[in-house]
Amino acid sequence: MTEQEFLQVIYSGIKPGMDVQKPNKLSRILDVTQAGNIYYLIGEQNKKAVTKKDLREVYRHLSDGNLTNRKISEISGSSRPCNNSTVKWILSRFNLAEKDAKGNWHPTAKIQ
């Protein structure tokens, strides 16, 4: 699967109003912009976004076989820790990757 196909799976499937399961809460997709930012709400008023740049970086590491929980955290950045669980939700929800017991992410057959 190419990067463009990877992004297409995500952007064609993600819709405002979708619930995002977080470790301790439920979040909701608010909007997907033309630029590819996926906005979601944490709590009552805390609006966050996963960017297309973030997703491209995730794809690069996933396709190289080097995507780990730590790498997802680095991509998300310390100022956006909630993106970590949102990226993991996207990978799982759209069957793009699976996590092993050590926290390493592997592409599903869908993207190999």
N, C-alpha and C. Protein backbone atom coordinates (compact mmCIF):
# COMPACT_ATOMS: atom_id res chain seq x y z
N MET A 1 0.84 -1.18 0.00
CA MET A 1 0.00 0.00 0.00
C MET A 1 0.89 1.24 0.00
N THR A 2 0.57 2.16 -0.85
CA THR A 2 1.33 3.41 -0.91
C THR A 2 0.87 4.35 0.20
N GLU A 3 1.63 5.41 0.39
CA GLU A 3 1.25 6.42 1.37
C GLU A 3 -0.11 7.03 1.00
N GLN A 4 -0.30 7.29 -0.27
CA GLN A 4 -1.57 7.88 -0.72
C GLN A 4 -2.74 6.94 -0.42
N GLU A 5 -2.57 5.66 -0.65
CA GLU A 5 -3.63 4.69 -0.36
C GLU A 5 -3.89 4.60 1.14
N PHE A 6 -2.83 4.65 1.93
CA PHE A 6 -2.93 4.64 3.39
C PHE A 6 -3.79 5.82 3.85
N LEU A 7 -3.47 7.01 3.35
CA LEU A 7 -4.23 8.20 3.72
C LEU A 7 -5.67 8.11 3.22
N GLN A 8 -5.86 7.55 2.04
CA GLN A 8 -7.20 7.43 1.47
C GLN A 8 -8.09 6.54 2.35
N VAL A 9 -7.54 5.45 2.85
CA VAL A 9 -8.30 4.56 3.75
C VAL A 9 -8.78 5.35 4.97
N ILE A 10 -7.87 6.15 5.53
CA ILE A 10 -8.21 6.92 6.73
C ILE A 10 -9.25 7.99 6.41
N TYR A 11 -8.95 8.82 5.41
CA TYR A 11 -9.83 9.96 5.13
C TYR A 11 -11.17 9.56 4.54
N SER A 12 -11.24 8.43 3.89
CA SER A 12 -12.54 8.00 3.37
C SER A 12 -13.40 7.36 4.46
N GLY A 13 -12.76 6.91 5.53
CA GLY A 13 -13.50 6.23 6.59
C GLY A 13 -13.83 7.08 7.80
N ILE A 14 -13.00 8.07 8.06
CA ILE A 14 -13.21 8.87 9.28
C ILE A 14 -14.27 9.94 9.04
N LYS A 15 -15.18 10.05 9.98
CA LYS A 15 -16.31 10.97 9.83
C LYS A 15 -16.55 11.72 11.14
N PRO A 16 -16.96 13.00 11.03
CA PRO A 16 -17.35 13.71 12.24
C PRO A 16 -18.44 12.94 12.98
N GLY A 17 -18.33 12.95 14.30
CA GLY A 17 -19.29 12.23 15.13
C GLY A 17 -18.82 10.85 15.55
N MET A 18 -17.79 10.32 14.89
CA MET A 18 -17.27 8.99 15.29
C MET A 18 -16.70 9.06 16.70
N ASP A 19 -16.94 8.02 17.48
CA ASP A 19 -16.36 7.92 18.81
C ASP A 19 -14.95 7.36 18.72
N VAL A 20 -14.04 7.97 19.47
CA VAL A 20 -12.66 7.51 19.56
C VAL A 20 -12.45 6.98 20.97
N GLN A 21 -12.19 5.70 21.09
CA GLN A 21 -11.98 5.10 22.40
C GLN A 21 -10.57 5.44 22.89
N LYS A 22 -10.49 6.11 24.00
CA LYS A 22 -9.23 6.46 24.65
C LYS A 22 -9.08 5.54 25.86
N PRO A 23 -7.88 5.43 26.41
CA PRO A 23 -7.69 4.54 27.57
C PRO A 23 -8.65 4.81 28.73
N ASN A 24 -8.89 6.08 29.04
CA ASN A 24 -9.72 6.40 30.19
C ASN A 24 -10.98 7.19 29.86
N LYS A 25 -11.19 7.50 28.60
CA LYS A 25 -12.35 8.29 28.20
C LYS A 25 -12.74 7.99 26.78
N LEU A 26 -13.83 8.59 26.42
CA LEU A 26 -14.30 8.53 25.05
C LEU A 26 -14.14 9.92 24.47
N SER A 27 -13.69 9.99 23.25
CA SER A 27 -13.52 11.26 22.56
C SER A 27 -14.36 11.17 21.29
N ARG A 28 -14.51 12.28 20.59
CA ARG A 28 -15.34 12.28 19.39
C ARG A 28 -14.67 13.09 18.29
N ILE A 29 -14.73 12.57 17.06
CA ILE A 29 -14.22 13.30 15.90
C ILE A 29 -15.14 14.49 15.65
N LEU A 30 -14.54 15.68 15.54
CA LEU A 30 -15.31 16.89 15.30
C LEU A 30 -15.34 17.27 13.83
N ASP A 31 -14.18 17.19 13.17
CA ASP A 31 -14.08 17.69 11.80
C ASP A 31 -12.85 17.11 11.13
N VAL A 32 -12.91 17.01 9.82
CA VAL A 32 -11.76 16.66 9.00
C VAL A 32 -11.65 17.77 7.97
N THR A 33 -10.54 18.51 8.01
CA THR A 33 -10.40 19.69 7.15
C THR A 33 -9.82 19.32 5.78
N GLN A 34 -9.93 20.27 4.85
CA GLN A 34 -9.34 20.10 3.52
C GLN A 34 -7.84 19.84 3.60
N ALA A 35 -7.18 20.44 4.59
CA ALA A 35 -5.74 20.25 4.77
C ALA A 35 -5.40 18.89 5.35
N GLY A 36 -6.42 18.15 5.79
CA GLY A 36 -6.19 16.81 6.32
C GLY A 36 -6.06 16.75 7.82
N ASN A 37 -6.36 17.83 8.51
CA ASN A 37 -6.33 17.79 9.97
C ASN A 37 -7.59 17.11 10.48
N ILE A 38 -7.39 16.17 11.39
CA ILE A 38 -8.51 15.45 12.00
C ILE A 38 -8.67 16.00 13.41
N TYR A 39 -9.72 16.80 13.61
CA TYR A 39 -9.97 17.41 14.90
C TYR A 39 -10.87 16.52 15.73
N TYR A 40 -10.54 16.44 17.02
CA TYR A 40 -11.34 15.66 17.95
C TYR A 40 -11.41 16.40 19.27
N LEU A 41 -12.37 16.02 20.08
CA LEU A 41 -12.62 16.70 21.34
C LEU A 41 -12.24 15.79 22.50
N ILE A 42 -11.50 16.36 23.45
CA ILE A 42 -11.18 15.69 24.70
C ILE A 42 -11.94 16.45 25.79
N GLY A 43 -12.76 15.76 26.52
CA GLY A 43 -13.56 16.43 27.54
C GLY A 43 -14.62 17.31 26.89
N GLU A 44 -14.95 18.39 27.56
CA GLU A 44 -16.01 19.27 27.08
C GLU A 44 -15.53 20.31 26.08
N GLN A 45 -14.26 20.76 26.19
CA GLN A 45 -13.83 21.90 25.37
C GLN A 45 -12.43 21.77 24.81
N ASN A 46 -11.73 20.72 25.06
CA ASN A 46 -10.33 20.61 24.66
C ASN A 46 -10.22 20.02 23.25
N LYS A 47 -10.05 20.87 22.26
CA LYS A 47 -9.99 20.47 20.86
C LYS A 47 -8.54 20.20 20.46
N LYS A 48 -8.30 19.03 19.87
CA LYS A 48 -6.96 18.61 19.43
C LYS A 48 -7.03 18.18 17.98
N ALA A 49 -5.85 18.03 17.33
CA ALA A 49 -5.84 17.60 15.92
C ALA A 49 -4.66 16.68 15.64
N VAL A 50 -4.93 15.65 14.86
CA VAL A 50 -3.90 14.82 14.23
C VAL A 50 -3.77 15.38 12.82
N THR A 51 -2.55 15.71 12.41
CA THR A 51 -2.35 16.33 11.10
C THR A 51 -1.99 15.30 10.03
N LYS A 52 -2.12 15.71 8.79
CA LYS A 52 -1.72 14.85 7.68
C LYS A 52 -0.22 14.56 7.77
N LYS A 53 0.55 15.55 8.21
CA LYS A 53 2.00 15.36 8.40
C LYS A 53 2.26 14.25 9.41
N ASP A 54 1.51 14.24 10.51
CA ASP A 54 1.63 13.17 11.51
C ASP A 54 1.37 11.81 10.87
N LEU A 55 0.29 11.72 10.10
CA LEU A 55 -0.09 10.45 9.49
C LEU A 55 0.94 9.99 8.46
N ARG A 56 1.52 10.92 7.73
CA ARG A 56 2.58 10.56 6.78
C ARG A 56 3.80 9.99 7.50
N GLU A 57 4.13 10.59 8.62
CA GLU A 57 5.26 10.11 9.43
C GLU A 57 4.96 8.72 10.00
N VAL A 58 3.75 8.51 10.47
CA VAL A 58 3.34 7.20 10.96
C VAL A 58 3.48 6.17 9.84
N TYR A 59 2.99 6.49 8.66
CA TYR A 59 3.08 5.58 7.52
C TYR A 59 4.54 5.23 7.22
N ARG A 60 5.38 6.24 7.20
CA ARG A 60 6.81 6.01 6.88
C ARG A 60 7.43 5.00 7.85
N HIS A 61 7.20 5.19 9.13
CA HIS A 61 7.77 4.27 10.13
C HIS A 61 7.10 2.90 10.08
N LEU A 62 5.81 2.87 9.83
CA LEU A 62 5.10 1.59 9.73
C LEU A 62 5.60 0.79 8.54
N SER A 63 5.76 1.43 7.41
CA SER A 63 6.20 0.72 6.21
C SER A 63 7.66 0.31 6.30
N ASP A 64 8.45 1.03 7.11
CA ASP A 64 9.86 0.66 7.33
C ASP A 64 10.01 -0.42 8.39
N GLY A 65 8.91 -0.75 9.07
CA GLY A 65 8.96 -1.76 10.13
C GLY A 65 9.48 -1.22 11.45
N ASN A 66 9.45 0.11 11.62
CA ASN A 66 10.01 0.73 12.81
C ASN A 66 9.01 1.52 13.63
N LEU A 67 7.74 1.18 13.54
CA LEU A 67 6.74 1.93 14.30
C LEU A 67 6.53 1.28 15.67
N THR A 68 6.80 2.05 16.70
CA THR A 68 6.64 1.60 18.08
C THR A 68 5.75 2.59 18.82
N ASN A 69 5.30 2.20 20.00
CA ASN A 69 4.55 3.15 20.83
C ASN A 69 5.38 4.39 21.10
N ARG A 70 6.66 4.20 21.33
CA ARG A 70 7.56 5.33 21.60
C ARG A 70 7.63 6.26 20.38
N LYS A 71 7.72 5.69 19.19
CA LYS A 71 7.80 6.49 17.97
C LYS A 71 6.50 7.27 17.76
N ILE A 72 5.36 6.64 18.04
CA ILE A 72 4.08 7.34 17.93
C ILE A 72 4.06 8.52 18.89
N SER A 73 4.57 8.33 20.09
CA SER A 73 4.64 9.43 21.07
C SER A 73 5.55 10.55 20.57
N GLU A 74 6.66 10.20 19.95
CA GLU A 74 7.57 11.21 19.40
C GLU A 74 6.90 11.99 18.27
N ILE A 75 6.19 11.28 17.41
CA ILE A 75 5.49 11.94 16.30
C ILE A 75 4.42 12.88 16.85
N SER A 76 3.70 12.43 17.87
CA SER A 76 2.64 13.24 18.47
C SER A 76 3.21 14.47 19.17
N GLY A 77 4.39 14.34 19.74
CA GLY A 77 5.02 15.44 20.44
C GLY A 77 4.53 15.59 21.86
N SER A 78 5.37 16.16 22.68
CA SER A 78 5.03 16.30 24.10
C SER A 78 3.89 17.29 24.32
N SER A 79 3.67 18.19 23.39
CA SER A 79 2.57 19.15 23.55
C SER A 79 1.23 18.58 23.10
N ARG A 80 1.24 17.39 22.48
CA ARG A 80 -0.01 16.78 22.01
C ARG A 80 -0.09 15.31 22.40
N PRO A 81 0.02 14.98 23.69
CA PRO A 81 0.03 13.57 24.10
C PRO A 81 -1.26 12.82 23.78
N CYS A 82 -2.37 13.52 23.67
CA CYS A 82 -3.64 12.85 23.35
C CYS A 82 -3.63 12.28 21.94
N ASN A 83 -2.80 12.83 21.08
CA ASN A 83 -2.72 12.32 19.71
C ASN A 83 -2.19 10.90 19.68
N ASN A 84 -1.39 10.54 20.66
CA ASN A 84 -0.83 9.20 20.75
C ASN A 84 -1.94 8.15 20.68
N SER A 85 -2.92 8.26 21.55
CA SER A 85 -4.00 7.26 21.55
C SER A 85 -4.93 7.41 20.35
N THR A 86 -5.05 8.62 19.81
CA THR A 86 -5.88 8.81 18.62
C THR A 86 -5.24 8.15 17.41
N VAL A 87 -3.94 8.28 17.25
CA VAL A 87 -3.22 7.62 16.14
C VAL A 87 -3.37 6.11 16.28
N LYS A 88 -3.21 5.58 17.47
CA LYS A 88 -3.35 4.14 17.68
C LYS A 88 -4.77 3.69 17.35
N TRP A 89 -5.76 4.49 17.73
CA TRP A 89 -7.15 4.18 17.40
C TRP A 89 -7.34 4.14 15.88
N ILE A 90 -6.78 5.12 15.17
CA ILE A 90 -6.90 5.16 13.70
C ILE A 90 -6.29 3.90 13.09
N LEU A 91 -5.09 3.52 13.54
CA LEU A 91 -4.43 2.33 12.99
C LEU A 91 -5.28 1.07 13.21
N SER A 92 -5.85 0.96 14.40
CA SER A 92 -6.67 -0.22 14.71
C SER A 92 -8.03 -0.16 14.04
N ARG A 93 -8.68 0.98 14.11
CA ARG A 93 -10.05 1.14 13.58
C ARG A 93 -10.13 0.85 12.10
N PHE A 94 -9.09 1.25 11.37
CA PHE A 94 -9.10 1.06 9.92
C PHE A 94 -8.26 -0.13 9.48
N ASN A 95 -7.93 -0.98 10.47
CA ASN A 95 -7.23 -2.24 10.20
C ASN A 95 -5.95 -2.02 9.38
N LEU A 96 -5.19 -0.99 9.77
CA LEU A 96 -3.95 -0.68 9.07
C LEU A 96 -2.73 -1.29 9.76
N ALA A 97 -2.84 -1.51 11.06
CA ALA A 97 -1.72 -2.08 11.81
C ALA A 97 -2.23 -2.76 13.07
N GLU A 98 -1.38 -3.65 13.57
CA GLU A 98 -1.66 -4.35 14.81
C GLU A 98 -0.47 -4.20 15.73
N LYS A 99 -0.75 -4.09 17.03
CA LYS A 99 0.31 -3.93 18.02
C LYS A 99 0.62 -5.28 18.66
N ASP A 100 1.91 -5.56 18.82
CA ASP A 100 2.28 -6.79 19.52
C ASP A 100 2.47 -6.49 21.01
N ALA A 101 2.79 -7.51 21.78
CA ALA A 101 2.90 -7.38 23.23
C ALA A 101 4.02 -6.43 23.66
N LYS A 102 4.99 -6.20 22.80
CA LYS A 102 6.12 -5.32 23.13
C LYS A 102 5.88 -3.87 22.72
N GLY A 103 4.71 -3.58 22.15
CA GLY A 103 4.41 -2.21 21.76
C GLY A 103 4.91 -1.86 20.37
N ASN A 104 5.24 -2.87 19.58
CA ASN A 104 5.65 -2.64 18.20
C ASN A 104 4.44 -2.80 17.30
N TRP A 105 4.31 -1.93 16.31
CA TRP A 105 3.19 -1.97 15.38
C TRP A 105 3.62 -2.58 14.08
N HIS A 106 2.79 -3.48 13.58
CA HIS A 106 3.08 -4.19 12.33
C HIS A 106 1.94 -3.95 11.35
N PRO A 107 2.28 -3.72 10.08
CA PRO A 107 1.22 -3.52 9.09
C PRO A 107 0.36 -4.77 8.96
N THR A 108 -0.91 -4.58 8.77
CA THR A 108 -1.77 -5.71 8.48
C THR A 108 -1.55 -6.07 7.01
N ALA A 109 -2.12 -7.17 6.62
CA ALA A 109 -1.98 -7.60 5.22
C ALA A 109 -2.50 -6.51 4.29
N LYS A 110 -3.39 -5.68 4.79
CA LYS A 110 -3.99 -4.62 4.00
C LYS A 110 -2.94 -3.63 3.46
N ILE A 111 -1.85 -3.40 4.19
CA ILE A 111 -0.89 -2.41 3.72
C ILE A 111 0.44 -3.01 3.27
N GLN A 112 0.57 -4.27 3.28
CA GLN A 112 1.84 -4.89 2.85
C GLN A 112 1.89 -5.03 1.35
